[in-house]
Amino acid sequence: MNIKAICLGAALALSAFCGVVFAGALDVADNIRPFYTDSSMKTLKPFPEFKTTFMAMSQSGREMMMKECNDAAQSKPYAEFCANVNALRGMQ
């Protein structure tokens, strides 16, 4: 009985940890919040401000967002956001 409880606890801990590790840049609100004008993250900043915010990110952060926006399954919920990211692709 004890070994079952330990294994179950370990499995739950690993699944929680792996969920955080596999979360993408677009799934973390703190990564995309600066691109929105409101706290509900419904309205994107105008394109010039969006570009300024995007270019202020680290190169690796920009690359990660561009990669995720190229993934059709990932970009679908963030269509408007990804359209802006893809428009900035050649401006790096």
Protein backbone atom coordinates (compact mmCIF):
# COMPACT_ATOMS: atom_id res chain seq x y z
CA MET A 1 0.00 0.00 0.00
CA ASN A 2 2.79 2.42 0.85
CA ILE A 3 4.60 1.77 -2.42
CA LYS A 4 1.39 2.53 -4.34
CA ALA A 5 1.02 5.86 -2.59
CA ILE A 6 4.64 6.77 -3.26
CA CYS A 7 4.37 5.86 -6.96
CA LEU A 8 1.12 7.76 -7.32
CA GLY A 9 2.62 10.82 -5.65
CA ALA A 10 5.70 10.65 -7.86
CA ALA A 11 3.56 10.32 -10.98
CA LEU A 12 1.43 13.33 -10.04
CA ALA A 13 4.51 15.42 -9.24
CA LEU A 14 6.15 14.53 -12.55
CA SER A 15 3.01 15.26 -14.56
CA ALA A 16 2.65 18.68 -12.92
CA PHE A 17 6.32 19.47 -13.53
CA CYS A 18 6.24 18.31 -17.15
CA GLY A 19 3.16 20.39 -17.86
CA VAL A 20 5.05 23.52 -16.90
CA VAL A 21 8.14 22.52 -18.87
CA PHE A 22 6.16 21.90 -22.05
CA ALA A 23 4.19 25.14 -21.84
CA GLY A 24 5.16 27.30 -24.78
CA ALA A 25 5.97 30.99 -24.89
CA LEU A 26 2.44 31.79 -26.03
CA ASP A 27 0.92 29.80 -23.17
CA VAL A 28 2.59 31.90 -20.48
CA ALA A 29 0.56 35.06 -19.89
CA ASP A 30 3.56 37.05 -18.65
CA ASN A 31 5.27 36.53 -22.03
CA ILE A 32 2.45 37.97 -24.11
CA ARG A 33 0.86 40.45 -21.66
CA PRO A 34 3.14 43.34 -22.75
CA PHE A 35 1.67 43.12 -26.26
CA TYR A 36 -1.87 43.90 -25.08
CA THR A 37 -3.41 47.21 -24.03
CA ASP A 38 -5.72 45.79 -21.37
CA SER A 39 -5.42 43.40 -18.45
CA SER A 40 -7.94 41.00 -20.00
CA MET A 41 -5.58 40.63 -22.98
CA LYS A 42 -8.31 41.19 -25.55
CA THR A 43 -6.92 44.20 -27.42
CA LEU A 44 -3.48 44.13 -29.03
CA LYS A 45 -1.33 47.23 -29.05
CA PRO A 46 -1.15 49.10 -32.36
CA PHE A 47 1.41 47.55 -34.72
CA PRO A 48 4.19 50.16 -34.14
CA GLU A 49 3.97 49.60 -30.36
CA PHE A 50 3.72 45.83 -30.89
CA LYS A 51 6.90 45.97 -32.97
CA THR A 52 8.75 48.00 -30.31
CA THR A 53 7.74 45.51 -27.61
CA PHE A 54 8.71 42.55 -29.79
CA MET A 55 12.12 43.98 -30.69
CA ALA A 56 12.81 44.70 -27.00
CA MET A 57 12.61 40.97 -26.26
CA SER A 58 15.66 38.74 -26.26
CA GLN A 59 16.57 37.08 -29.56
CA SER A 60 15.77 33.65 -28.12
CA GLY A 61 12.35 34.88 -26.94
CA ARG A 62 11.53 36.27 -30.38
CA GLU A 63 12.66 33.04 -32.05
CA MET A 64 10.54 30.96 -29.70
CA MET A 65 7.43 33.05 -30.41
CA MET A 66 8.03 32.89 -34.16
CA LYS A 67 8.46 29.12 -34.00
CA GLU A 68 5.24 28.68 -32.05
CA CYS A 69 3.35 31.02 -34.39
CA ASN A 70 4.42 28.81 -37.31
CA ASP A 71 2.79 25.79 -35.64
CA ALA A 72 -0.80 25.77 -36.94
CA ALA A 73 -2.20 24.09 -33.83
CA GLN A 74 -0.47 26.54 -31.50
CA SER A 75 -1.14 29.69 -33.48
CA LYS A 76 -4.88 29.15 -33.95
CA PRO A 77 -5.90 30.52 -30.53
CA TYR A 78 -3.49 33.42 -31.02
CA ALA A 79 -4.27 34.19 -34.67
CA GLU A 80 -4.17 38.00 -34.46
CA PHE A 81 -1.07 37.95 -32.23
CA CYS A 82 0.71 35.52 -34.56
CA ALA A 83 -0.23 37.56 -37.62
CA ASN A 84 1.71 40.47 -36.11
CA VAL A 85 4.63 38.23 -35.13
CA ASN A 86 4.78 36.77 -38.63
CA ALA A 87 4.70 40.27 -40.13
CA LEU A 88 7.83 41.07 -38.10
CA ARG A 89 9.66 37.92 -39.23
CA GLY A 90 11.90 39.65 -41.77
CA MET A 91 12.61 42.70 -39.60
CA GLN A 92 14.99 41.06 -37.18
